[in-house]
């Protein structure tokens, strides 16, 4: 829709003949003031922008009218010695409604690259280490470790790809023993002599994704606390917790730890806890960073 309006903010030329959004006739609008054409909430947006346009400026903004979102561009123009404004408007309802979803999708795709390389790091490192031991000793038992690591790589590629596309359907989840999954995840962390303590807890979930969640929380704990850290996994009233005796995370940073790219300062690249948050949400949990009984990090999933 194209409009020429005068200094009194009256429509002087309107086109096309039948307006594409409302199907109103252009002749019904010619000579009318914006106050006569639109409701107060729309006028409240239009008036200051049109005033600035007539004064010699230009504007670009959105406004809502009759349940639709319209994007408006304005430019000033002079006809003889009189100031006028030109207004062009376009229905952008669908574009604006889909924009948040596209932004979230782009964010997820951006994180996908980091997530894959981040979670693949542990089993790949494990496979390389086992291969080196096999070459040095010729002991076939190291081949089992390589096989396990490569199977984990295959699982992660499938699960992380699915994780960025859609949530895991709740009807496909099964009863999962968290101590069992935690101990399996523990094998893929360079924990050396660090102890893992677990309490019985069963939830409905995707076993492989939960293993990835534990791997990232364990890596975070060992990265902050070293090999002397103790990690505990147990039930809460509505979910479970993972806590450690490593270096505490300062209170002022607790709101930031789940942000993509945030790191607590060790060798992590800042995507591990983003993965934790995404897997937790996929299982219907919210993650909160609390304090363990020693005053160190405790992640609660409720």
C-alpha atoms as a PDB file:
ATOM      1  CA  UNK A   1       0.000   0.000   0.000  1.00  0.00           C
ATOM      2  CA  UNK A   2       1.334   3.468  -0.944  1.00  0.00           C
ATOM      3  CA  UNK A   3       0.224   6.719   0.703  1.00  0.00           C
ATOM      4  CA  UNK A   4       1.010  10.385   0.244  1.00  0.00           C
ATOM      5  CA  UNK A   5       0.057  12.390   3.340  1.00  0.00           C
ATOM      6  CA  UNK A   6       0.209  16.093   4.107  1.00  0.00           C
ATOM      7  CA  UNK A   7       1.500  18.077   7.077  1.00  0.00           C
ATOM      8  CA  UNK A   8      -1.830  17.593   8.884  1.00  0.00           C
ATOM      9  CA  UNK A   9      -1.365  13.826   8.546  1.00  0.00           C
ATOM     10  CA  UNK A  10      -4.271  13.500   6.131  1.00  0.00           C
ATOM     11  CA  UNK A  11      -4.138  10.897   3.384  1.00  0.00           C
ATOM     12  CA  UNK A  12      -3.998  12.654  -0.048  1.00  0.00           C
ATOM     13  CA  UNK A  13      -3.173   9.795  -2.404  1.00  0.00           C
ATOM     14  CA  UNK A  14      -3.782   6.130  -1.608  1.00  0.00           C
ATOM     15  CA  UNK A  15      -3.182   3.097  -3.752  1.00  0.00           C
ATOM     16  CA  UNK A  16      -3.949   0.566  -5.045  1.00  0.00           C
ATOM     17  CA  UNK A  17      -7.651   1.050  -5.644  1.00  0.00           C
ATOM     18  CA  UNK A  18      -8.566  -1.859  -3.362  1.00  0.00           C
ATOM     19  CA  UNK A  19      -6.206  -2.206  -0.413  1.00  0.00           C
ATOM     20  CA  UNK A  20      -4.603  -5.657  -0.289  1.00  0.00           C
ATOM     21  CA  UNK A  21      -4.910  -6.194   3.496  1.00  0.00           C
ATOM     22  CA  UNK A  22      -8.341  -4.869   4.458  1.00  0.00           C
ATOM     23  CA  UNK A  23      -9.913  -4.718   0.969  1.00  0.00           C
ATOM     24  CA  UNK A  24     -11.063  -1.185   1.781  1.00  0.00           C
ATOM     25  CA  UNK A  25     -11.489   1.161  -1.159  1.00  0.00           C
ATOM     26  CA  UNK A  26      -8.735   3.761  -1.487  1.00  0.00           C
ATOM     27  CA  UNK A  27     -11.331   6.478  -2.147  1.00  0.00           C
ATOM     28  CA  UNK A  28     -12.726   5.926   1.353  1.00  0.00           C
ATOM     29  CA  UNK A  29      -9.394   6.944   2.859  1.00  0.00           C
ATOM     30  CA  UNK A  30      -8.463   9.965   0.754  1.00  0.00           C
ATOM     31  CA  UNK A  31      -8.832  13.200   2.718  1.00  0.00           C
ATOM     32  CA  UNK A  32      -9.133  11.375   6.057  1.00  0.00           C
ATOM     33  CA  UNK A  33      -6.905  12.074   9.059  1.00  0.00           C
ATOM     34  CA  UNK A  34      -5.072   9.103  10.594  1.00  0.00           C
ATOM     35  CA  UNK A  35      -7.178   9.630  13.758  1.00  0.00           C
ATOM     36  CA  UNK A  36     -10.297   8.917  11.693  1.00  0.00           C
ATOM     37  CA  UNK A  37      -8.908   5.807  10.048  1.00  0.00           C
ATOM     38  CA  UNK A  38      -7.301   3.816  12.833  1.00  0.00           C
ATOM     39  CA  UNK A  39      -7.876   2.878  16.490  1.00  0.00           C
ATOM     40  CA  UNK A  40      -6.054   4.733  19.262  1.00  0.00           C
ATOM     41  CA  UNK A  41      -3.347   2.105  19.763  1.00  0.00           C
ATOM     42  CA  UNK A  42      -2.413   2.225  16.079  1.00  0.00           C
ATOM     43  CA  UNK A  43      -2.530   6.020  15.978  1.00  0.00           C
ATOM     44  CA  UNK A  44      -0.231   6.136  19.009  1.00  0.00           C
ATOM     45  CA  UNK A  45       2.415   4.372  16.919  1.00  0.00           C
ATOM     46  CA  UNK A  46       1.752   6.262  13.691  1.00  0.00           C
ATOM     47  CA  UNK A  47       1.613   9.839  14.964  1.00  0.00           C
ATOM     48  CA  UNK A  48       5.184  10.355  16.208  1.00  0.00           C
ATOM     49  CA  UNK A  49       6.637   8.545  13.193  1.00  0.00           C
ATOM     50  CA  UNK A  50       4.569  10.549  10.715  1.00  0.00           C
ATOM     51  CA  UNK A  51       5.387  13.794  12.519  1.00  0.00           C
ATOM     52  CA  UNK A  52       9.105  13.010  12.247  1.00  0.00           C
ATOM     53  CA  UNK A  53       8.665  12.176   8.557  1.00  0.00           C
ATOM     54  CA  UNK A  54       6.913  15.458   7.736  1.00  0.00           C
ATOM     55  CA  UNK A  55       9.709  17.263   9.621  1.00  0.00           C
ATOM     56  CA  UNK A  56      12.193  15.864   7.121  1.00  0.00           C
ATOM     57  CA  UNK A  57      13.153  12.456   8.481  1.00  0.00           C
ATOM     58  CA  UNK A  58      12.446   8.847   7.576  1.00  0.00           C
ATOM     59  CA  UNK A  59      11.151   5.960   9.646  1.00  0.00           C
ATOM     60  CA  UNK A  60      11.040   2.164   9.558  1.00  0.00           C
ATOM     61  CA  UNK A  61       8.748   0.405  12.057  1.00  0.00           C
ATOM     62  CA  UNK A  62       6.042  -2.189  12.656  1.00  0.00           C
ATOM     63  CA  UNK A  63       2.486  -1.630  13.858  1.00  0.00           C
ATOM     64  CA  UNK A  64      -0.465  -3.925  14.469  1.00  0.00           C
ATOM     65  CA  UNK A  65      -3.886  -3.329  12.913  1.00  0.00           C
ATOM     66  CA  UNK A  66      -6.884  -5.657  12.683  1.00  0.00           C
ATOM     67  CA  UNK A  67      -4.875  -8.606  13.911  1.00  0.00           C
ATOM     68  CA  UNK A  68      -2.135  -8.177  11.321  1.00  0.00           C
ATOM     69  CA  UNK A  69       1.389  -6.821  11.631  1.00  0.00           C
ATOM     70  CA  UNK A  70       2.328  -4.164   9.094  1.00  0.00           C
ATOM     71  CA  UNK A  71       5.836  -2.945   8.363  1.00  0.00           C
ATOM     72  CA  UNK A  72       5.933   0.731   7.436  1.00  0.00           C
ATOM     73  CA  UNK A  73       8.647   2.723   5.693  1.00  0.00           C
ATOM     74  CA  UNK A  74       8.334   6.508   5.424  1.00  0.00           C
ATOM     75  CA  UNK A  75      10.256   9.212   3.578  1.00  0.00           C
ATOM     76  CA  UNK A  76       9.824  12.998   3.481  1.00  0.00           C
ATOM     77  CA  UNK A  77       9.155  14.835   0.215  1.00  0.00           C
ATOM     78  CA  UNK A  78       8.264  18.368  -0.839  1.00  0.00           C
ATOM     79  CA  UNK A  79       5.560  19.174  -3.362  1.00  0.00           C
ATOM     80  CA  UNK A  80       6.159  22.767  -4.348  1.00  0.00           C
ATOM     81  CA  UNK A  81       6.862  24.470  -1.047  1.00  0.00           C
ATOM     82  CA  UNK A  82       4.723  22.127   1.038  1.00  0.00           C
ATOM     83  CA  UNK A  83       6.121  19.233   3.122  1.00  0.00           C
ATOM     84  CA  UNK A  84       4.584  15.808   2.594  1.00  0.00           C
ATOM     85  CA  UNK A  85       5.347  12.277   3.596  1.00  0.00           C
ATOM     86  CA  UNK A  86       5.365   9.099   1.564  1.00  0.00           C
ATOM     87  CA  UNK A  87       4.329   5.931   3.384  1.00  0.00           C
ATOM     88  CA  UNK A  88       4.680   2.385   2.105  1.00  0.00           C
ATOM     89  CA  UNK A  89       3.259  -0.502   4.130  1.00  0.00           C
ATOM     90  CA  UNK A  90       3.438  -4.260   3.754  1.00  0.00           C
ATOM     91  CA  UNK A  91       1.796  -7.111   5.629  1.00  0.00           C
ATOM     92  CA  UNK A  92       4.593  -8.956   7.484  1.00  0.00           C
ATOM     93  CA  UNK A  93       2.452 -10.976   9.890  1.00  0.00           C
ATOM     94  CA  UNK A  94       3.685 -14.380   8.778  1.00  0.00           C
ATOM     95  CA  UNK A  95       7.317 -13.278   8.631  1.00  0.00           C
ATOM     96  CA  UNK A  96       7.221 -11.812  12.134  1.00  0.00           C
ATOM     97  CA  UNK A  97       5.442 -14.823  13.588  1.00  0.00           C
ATOM     98  CA  UNK A  98       7.959 -17.277  12.144  1.00  0.00           C
ATOM     99  CA  UNK A  99      11.036 -15.153  12.952  1.00  0.00           C
ATOM    100  CA  UNK A 100      11.437 -16.367  16.574  1.00  0.00           C
ATOM    101  CA  UNK A 101      11.286 -19.984  15.434  1.00  0.00           C
ATOM    102  CA  UNK A 102      13.853 -19.347  12.719  1.00  0.00           C
ATOM    103  CA  UNK A 103      16.113 -17.536  15.174  1.00  0.00           C
ATOM    104  CA  UNK A 104      15.900 -20.460  17.579  1.00  0.00           C
ATOM    105  CA  UNK A 105      16.578 -22.903  14.771  1.00  0.00           C
ATOM    106  CA  UNK A 106      19.629 -20.936  13.668  1.00  0.00           C
ATOM    107  CA  UNK A 107      20.862 -20.852  17.249  1.00  0.00           C
ATOM    108  CA  UNK A 108      20.418 -24.610  17.555  1.00  0.00           C
ATOM    109  CA  UNK A 109      22.250 -25.186  14.284  1.00  0.00           C
ATOM    110  CA  UNK A 110      25.061 -22.939  15.440  1.00  0.00           C
ATOM    111  CA  UNK A 111      25.315 -24.898  18.673  1.00  0.00           C
ATOM    112  CA  UNK A 112      25.143 -28.198  16.802  1.00  0.00           C
ATOM    113  CA  UNK A 113      28.659 -27.794  15.413  1.00  0.00           C
ATOM    114  CA  UNK A 114      30.069 -27.198  18.866  1.00  0.00           C
ATOM    115  CA  UNK A 115      27.973 -29.909  20.485  1.00  0.00           C
ATOM    116  CA  UNK A 116      29.100 -32.624  18.115  1.00  0.00           C
ATOM    117  CA  UNK A 117      32.799 -31.858  18.440  1.00  0.00           C
ATOM    118  CA  UNK A 118      32.459 -31.355  22.195  1.00  0.00           C
ATOM    119  CA  UNK A 119      30.726 -34.623  23.007  1.00  0.00           C
ATOM    120  CA  UNK A 120      32.756 -36.604  20.518  1.00  0.00           C
ATOM    121  CA  UNK A 121      35.989 -35.503  22.165  1.00  0.00           C
ATOM    122  CA  UNK A 122      35.847 -38.049  25.014  1.00  0.00           C
ATOM    123  CA  UNK A 123      35.246 -41.287  23.089  1.00  0.00           C
ATOM    124  CA  UNK A 124      37.638 -40.237  20.317  1.00  0.00           C
ATOM    125  CA  UNK A 125      40.367 -39.527  22.893  1.00  0.00           C
ATOM    126  CA  UNK A 126      39.599 -42.832  24.551  1.00  0.00           C
ATOM    127  CA  UNK A 127      39.866 -44.696  21.241  1.00  0.00           C
ATOM    128  CA  UNK A 128      43.202 -43.023  20.444  1.00  0.00           C
ATOM    129  CA  UNK A 129      44.563 -43.933  23.877  1.00  0.00           C
ATOM    130  CA  UNK A 130      43.470 -47.551  23.571  1.00  0.00           C
ATOM    131  CA  UNK A 131      44.963 -47.746  20.082  1.00  0.00           C
ATOM    132  CA  UNK A 132      48.306 -46.470  21.346  1.00  0.00           C
ATOM    133  CA  UNK A 133      48.286 -49.084  24.110  1.00  0.00           C
ATOM    134  CA  UNK A 134      47.451 -51.810  21.605  1.00  0.00           C
ATOM    135  CA  UNK A 135      50.320 -50.769  19.330  1.00  0.00           C
ATOM    136  CA  UNK A 136      52.742 -50.778  22.234  1.00  0.00           C
ATOM    137  CA  UNK A 137      51.668 -54.065  23.787  1.00  0.00           C
ATOM    138  CA  UNK A 138      49.835 -56.023  21.114  1.00  0.00           C
ATOM    139  CA  UNK A 139      47.249 -56.875  23.772  1.00  0.00           C
ATOM    140  CA  UNK A 140      43.930 -57.563  22.021  1.00  0.00           C
ATOM    141  CA  UNK A 141      41.950 -56.480  25.103  1.00  0.00           C
ATOM    142  CA  UNK A 142      42.577 -52.857  24.127  1.00  0.00           C
ATOM    143  CA  UNK A 143      40.568 -53.450  20.966  1.00  0.00           C
ATOM    144  CA  UNK A 144      37.450 -53.839  23.120  1.00  0.00           C
ATOM    145  CA  UNK A 145      37.991 -50.330  24.453  1.00  0.00           C
ATOM    146  CA  UNK A 146      38.356 -49.009  20.912  1.00  0.00           C
ATOM    147  CA  UNK A 147      35.159 -50.755  19.867  1.00  0.00           C
ATOM    148  CA  UNK A 148      33.234 -49.351  22.847  1.00  0.00           C
ATOM    149  CA  UNK A 149      34.482 -45.849  22.115  1.00  0.00           C
ATOM    150  CA  UNK A 150      33.535 -46.046  18.444  1.00  0.00           C
ATOM    151  CA  UNK A 151      30.090 -47.351  19.325  1.00  0.00           C
ATOM    152  CA  UNK A 152      29.696 -44.351  21.613  1.00  0.00           C
ATOM    153  CA  UNK A 153      30.715 -42.053  18.742  1.00  0.00           C
ATOM    154  CA  UNK A 154      28.043 -43.610  16.546  1.00  0.00           C
ATOM    155  CA  UNK A 155      25.404 -43.194  19.256  1.00  0.00           C
ATOM    156  CA  UNK A 156      26.333 -39.575  19.837  1.00  0.00           C
ATOM    157  CA  UNK A 157      26.143 -38.690  16.161  1.00  0.00           C
ATOM    158  CA  UNK A 158      22.609 -40.074  16.004  1.00  0.00           C
ATOM    159  CA  UNK A 159      21.444 -38.591  19.302  1.00  0.00           C
ATOM    160  CA  UNK A 160      22.987 -35.154  18.992  1.00  0.00           C
ATOM    161  CA  UNK A 161      21.637 -34.787  15.476  1.00  0.00           C
ATOM    162  CA  UNK A 162      18.172 -35.759  16.690  1.00  0.00           C
ATOM    163  CA  UNK A 163      18.543 -33.437  19.669  1.00  0.00           C
ATOM    164  CA  UNK A 164      18.965 -30.389  17.457  1.00  0.00           C
ATOM    165  CA  UNK A 165      15.983 -31.284  15.314  1.00  0.00           C
ATOM    166  CA  UNK A 166      13.218 -32.229  17.716  1.00  0.00           C
ATOM    167  CA  UNK A 167      12.434 -33.392  21.212  1.00  0.00           C
ATOM    168  CA  UNK A 168      12.453 -37.068  22.047  1.00  0.00           C
ATOM    169  CA  UNK A 169       8.814 -38.252  22.040  1.00  0.00           C
ATOM    170  CA  UNK A 170       7.765 -39.086  25.584  1.00  0.00           C
ATOM    171  CA  UNK A 171       6.148 -42.326  24.464  1.00  0.00           C
ATOM    172  CA  UNK A 172       9.533 -43.684  23.304  1.00  0.00           C
ATOM    173  CA  UNK A 173      11.226 -43.226  26.679  1.00  0.00           C
ATOM    174  CA  UNK A 174      11.969 -46.151  28.954  1.00  0.00           C
ATOM    175  CA  UNK A 175      12.812 -46.687  32.607  1.00  0.00           C
ATOM    176  CA  UNK A 176      16.474 -45.810  33.078  1.00  0.00           C
ATOM    177  CA  UNK A 177      18.624 -46.588  36.110  1.00  0.00           C
ATOM    178  CA  UNK A 178      20.621 -43.414  36.703  1.00  0.00           C
ATOM    179  CA  UNK A 179      23.438 -45.159  38.646  1.00  0.00           C
ATOM    180  CA  UNK A 180      23.972 -47.512  35.695  1.00  0.00           C
ATOM    181  CA  UNK A 181      24.010 -44.677  33.160  1.00  0.00           C
ATOM    182  CA  UNK A 182      26.238 -42.567  35.406  1.00  0.00           C
ATOM    183  CA  UNK A 183      28.802 -45.352  35.774  1.00  0.00           C
ATOM    184  CA  UNK A 184      28.800 -45.896  32.008  1.00  0.00           C
ATOM    185  CA  UNK A 185      29.374 -42.169  31.453  1.00  0.00           C
ATOM    186  CA  UNK A 186      32.153 -42.207  34.063  1.00  0.00           C
ATOM    187  CA  UNK A 187      34.164 -44.564  31.857  1.00  0.00           C
ATOM    188  CA  UNK A 188      34.421 -41.894  29.167  1.00  0.00           C
ATOM    189  CA  UNK A 189      35.825 -39.215  31.492  1.00  0.00           C
ATOM    190  CA  UNK A 190      39.501 -38.878  32.341  1.00  0.00           C
ATOM    191  CA  UNK A 191      38.690 -39.326  36.020  1.00  0.00           C
ATOM    192  CA  UNK A 192      41.749 -41.355  37.041  1.00  0.00           C
ATOM    193  CA  UNK A 193      41.300 -41.943  40.793  1.00  0.00           C
ATOM    194  CA  UNK A 194      38.314 -39.637  41.362  1.00  0.00           C
ATOM    195  CA  UNK A 195      35.432 -41.480  43.080  1.00  0.00           C
ATOM    196  CA  UNK A 196      31.824 -41.605  41.866  1.00  0.00           C
ATOM    197  CA  UNK A 197      29.101 -42.199  44.462  1.00  0.00           C
ATOM    198  CA  UNK A 198      25.538 -43.087  43.384  1.00  0.00           C
ATOM    199  CA  UNK A 199      22.163 -43.728  44.979  1.00  0.00           C
ATOM    200  CA  UNK A 200      19.352 -45.712  43.431  1.00  0.00           C
ATOM    201  CA  UNK A 201      17.157 -43.632  41.143  1.00  0.00           C
ATOM    202  CA  UNK A 202      15.026 -44.579  38.129  1.00  0.00           C
ATOM    203  CA  UNK A 203      13.445 -42.112  35.684  1.00  0.00           C
ATOM    204  CA  UNK A 204      11.741 -42.296  32.303  1.00  0.00           C
ATOM    205  CA  UNK A 205      14.124 -41.124  29.619  1.00  0.00           C
ATOM    206  CA  UNK A 206      16.461 -41.724  26.722  1.00  0.00           C
ATOM    207  CA  UNK A 207      19.470 -43.645  28.014  1.00  0.00           C
ATOM    208  CA  UNK A 208      21.997 -42.364  25.496  1.00  0.00           C
ATOM    209  CA  UNK A 209      21.007 -38.720  25.909  1.00  0.00           C
ATOM    210  CA  UNK A 210      21.137 -39.036  29.695  1.00  0.00           C
ATOM    211  CA  UNK A 211      24.610 -40.526  29.367  1.00  0.00           C
ATOM    212  CA  UNK A 212      25.657 -37.452  27.385  1.00  0.00           C
ATOM    213  CA  UNK A 213      24.194 -35.269  30.154  1.00  0.00           C
ATOM    214  CA  UNK A 214      26.239 -37.098  32.795  1.00  0.00           C
ATOM    215  CA  UNK A 215      29.407 -36.990  30.701  1.00  0.00           C
ATOM    216  CA  UNK A 216      29.166 -33.220  30.449  1.00  0.00           C
ATOM    217  CA  UNK A 217      28.441 -32.716  34.149  1.00  0.00           C
ATOM    218  CA  UNK A 218      31.262 -35.084  35.096  1.00  0.00           C
ATOM    219  CA  UNK A 219      33.685 -33.366  32.747  1.00  0.00           C
ATOM    220  CA  UNK A 220      32.730 -30.060  34.296  1.00  0.00           C
ATOM    221  CA  UNK A 221      33.299 -31.393  37.827  1.00  0.00           C
ATOM    222  CA  UNK A 222      36.671 -32.992  37.086  1.00  0.00           C
ATOM    223  CA  UNK A 223      37.746 -29.970  35.042  1.00  0.00           C
ATOM    224  CA  UNK A 224      37.167 -27.702  38.051  1.00  0.00           C
ATOM    225  CA  UNK A 225      38.170 -30.068  40.841  1.00  0.00           C
ATOM    226  CA  UNK A 226      40.843 -32.315  39.378  1.00  0.00           C
ATOM    227  CA  UNK A 227      41.341 -35.971  40.241  1.00  0.00           C
ATOM    228  CA  UNK A 228      40.657 -35.458  43.949  1.00  0.00           C
ATOM    229  CA  UNK A 229      37.058 -34.447  43.332  1.00  0.00           C
ATOM    230  CA  UNK A 230      34.213 -36.647  44.549  1.00  0.00           C
ATOM    231  CA  UNK A 231      31.082 -36.740  42.397  1.00  0.00           C
ATOM    232  CA  UNK A 232      27.691 -37.878  43.695  1.00  0.00           C
ATOM    233  CA  UNK A 233      24.500 -38.772  41.841  1.00  0.00           C
ATOM    234  CA  UNK A 234      21.200 -39.288  43.636  1.00  0.00           C
ATOM    235  CA  UNK A 235      17.439 -38.706  43.646  1.00  0.00           C
ATOM    236  CA  UNK A 236      15.536 -35.593  44.686  1.00  0.00           C
ATOM    237  CA  UNK A 237      11.830 -35.220  45.322  1.00  0.00           C
ATOM    238  CA  UNK A 238      10.984 -34.742  41.666  1.00  0.00           C
ATOM    239  CA  UNK A 239      14.169 -35.625  39.784  1.00  0.00           C
ATOM    240  CA  UNK A 240      17.848 -36.085  40.535  1.00  0.00           C
ATOM    241  CA  UNK A 241      21.053 -34.231  41.340  1.00  0.00           C
ATOM    242  CA  UNK A 242      24.719 -34.313  40.422  1.00  0.00           C
ATOM    243  CA  UNK A 243      27.058 -32.665  42.922  1.00  0.00           C
ATOM    244  CA  UNK A 244      30.808 -32.542  43.446  1.00  0.00           C
ATOM    245  CA  UNK A 245      33.472 -31.479  45.921  1.00  0.00           C
ATOM    246  CA  UNK A 246      35.436 -29.492  43.363  1.00  0.00           C
ATOM    247  CA  UNK A 247      35.995 -25.770  43.088  1.00  0.00           C
ATOM    248  CA  UNK A 248      32.791 -23.851  43.829  1.00  0.00           C
ATOM    249  CA  UNK A 249      31.180 -21.736  41.130  1.00  0.00           C
ATOM    250  CA  UNK A 250      30.777 -18.130  42.379  1.00  0.00           C
ATOM    251  CA  UNK A 251      27.130 -17.090  42.972  1.00  0.00           C
ATOM    252  CA  UNK A 252      27.433 -14.194  40.525  1.00  0.00           C
ATOM    253  CA  UNK A 253      28.248 -16.655  37.709  1.00  0.00           C
ATOM    254  CA  UNK A 254      25.519 -19.213  38.402  1.00  0.00           C
ATOM    255  CA  UNK A 255      23.012 -17.600  36.053  1.00  0.00           C
ATOM    256  CA  UNK A 256      25.591 -17.610  33.235  1.00  0.00           C
ATOM    257  CA  UNK A 257      26.843 -21.181  33.347  1.00  0.00           C
ATOM    258  CA  UNK A 258      24.157 -22.508  30.992  1.00  0.00           C
ATOM    259  CA  UNK A 259      24.802 -19.841  28.362  1.00  0.00           C
ATOM    260  CA  UNK A 260      26.325 -21.112  25.143  1.00  0.00           C
ATOM    261  CA  UNK A 261      30.069 -20.436  25.149  1.00  0.00           C
ATOM    262  CA  UNK A 262      30.358 -19.646  28.866  1.00  0.00           C
ATOM    263  CA  UNK A 263      33.283 -21.332  30.602  1.00  0.00           C
ATOM    264  CA  UNK A 264      34.324 -21.430  34.242  1.00  0.00           C
ATOM    265  CA  UNK A 265      37.940 -21.024  33.224  1.00  0.00           C
ATOM    266  CA  UNK A 266      39.359 -24.523  32.772  1.00  0.00           C
ATOM    267  CA  UNK A 267      39.977 -26.193  29.422  1.00  0.00           C
ATOM    268  CA  UNK A 268      36.292 -26.597  28.510  1.00  0.00           C
ATOM    269  CA  UNK A 269      34.961 -24.716  25.503  1.00  0.00           C
ATOM    270  CA  UNK A 270      31.728 -23.553  27.080  1.00  0.00           C
ATOM    271  CA  UNK A 271      29.128 -25.778  25.436  1.00  0.00           C
ATOM    272  CA  UNK A 272      28.888 -28.666  27.920  1.00  0.00           C
ATOM    273  CA  UNK A 273      26.319 -27.094  30.210  1.00  0.00           C
ATOM    274  CA  UNK A 274      24.361 -25.849  27.200  1.00  0.00           C
ATOM    275  CA  UNK A 275      24.015 -29.492  26.227  1.00  0.00           C
ATOM    276  CA  UNK A 276      22.987 -30.378  29.785  1.00  0.00           C
ATOM    277  CA  UNK A 277      20.258 -27.757  29.725  1.00  0.00           C
ATOM    278  CA  UNK A 278      18.951 -28.903  26.356  1.00  0.00           C
ATOM    279  CA  UNK A 279      18.837 -32.598  27.326  1.00  0.00           C
ATOM    280  CA  UNK A 280      17.225 -31.738  30.662  1.00  0.00           C
ATOM    281  CA  UNK A 281      14.528 -29.669  28.939  1.00  0.00           C
ATOM    282  CA  UNK A 282      13.938 -32.487  26.466  1.00  0.00           C
ATOM    283  CA  UNK A 283      13.146 -34.713  29.476  1.00  0.00           C
ATOM    284  CA  UNK A 284      10.881 -32.158  31.133  1.00  0.00           C
ATOM    285  CA  UNK A 285      13.408 -30.985  33.730  1.00  0.00           C
ATOM    286  CA  UNK A 286      14.693 -27.557  34.672  1.00  0.00           C
ATOM    287  CA  UNK A 287      18.315 -27.362  35.800  1.00  0.00           C
ATOM    288  CA  UNK A 288      19.287 -25.257  38.802  1.00  0.00           C
ATOM    289  CA  UNK A 289      22.812 -24.700  40.085  1.00  0.00           C
ATOM    290  CA  UNK A 290      22.831 -24.977  43.873  1.00  0.00           C
ATOM    291  CA  UNK A 291      25.499 -25.714  46.497  1.00  0.00           C
ATOM    292  CA  UNK A 292      26.554 -29.165  47.674  1.00  0.00           C
ATOM    293  CA  UNK A 293      26.841 -29.878  51.383  1.00  0.00           C
ATOM    294  CA  UNK A 294      30.504 -28.879  51.169  1.00  0.00           C
ATOM    295  CA  UNK A 295      29.489 -25.598  49.543  1.00  0.00           C
ATOM    296  CA  UNK A 296      30.538 -26.676  46.057  1.00  0.00           C
ATOM    297  CA  UNK A 297      28.528 -27.215  42.861  1.00  0.00           C
ATOM    298  CA  UNK A 298      25.255 -29.128  42.916  1.00  0.00           C
ATOM    299  CA  UNK A 299      23.128 -29.392  39.791  1.00  0.00           C
ATOM    300  CA  UNK A 300      19.509 -30.232  40.500  1.00  0.00           C
ATOM    301  CA  UNK A 301      17.149 -31.397  37.762  1.00  0.00           C
ATOM    302  CA  UNK A 302      13.509 -31.042  38.835  1.00  0.00           C
END
